[in-house]
Amino acid sequence: MTKKIDNISIEELEKRAGSMYKVAKILGLSVVAAYKWKKKNKVPAQRIKSLMLLKPEWFEPIEEKVEDKVEIPA
């Protein structure tokens, strides 16, 4: 069962978008508005919902790559 992510940190948002400037442009907001979120350290719920529609891949659970898992025989 997958848990739906309804919250995202500012750090994670910047990591996925590349910058708050890009987040603002995706949402059609001013850059100043997006940087206010950074100052408050919170993304408004309405904007999270918009991002979930516009960029659903940002909210998919991050799965570990199978090739990254190395099993050492005993």
Foldseek 3Di string as FASTA:
>chain_A
DDDFDQFDWPVLVCVVQVHLCSLCVLVVHDSVVSVVCVVVRGDDSVSSVVCCVSPVVSGDDDDDDPVVDDDDDD
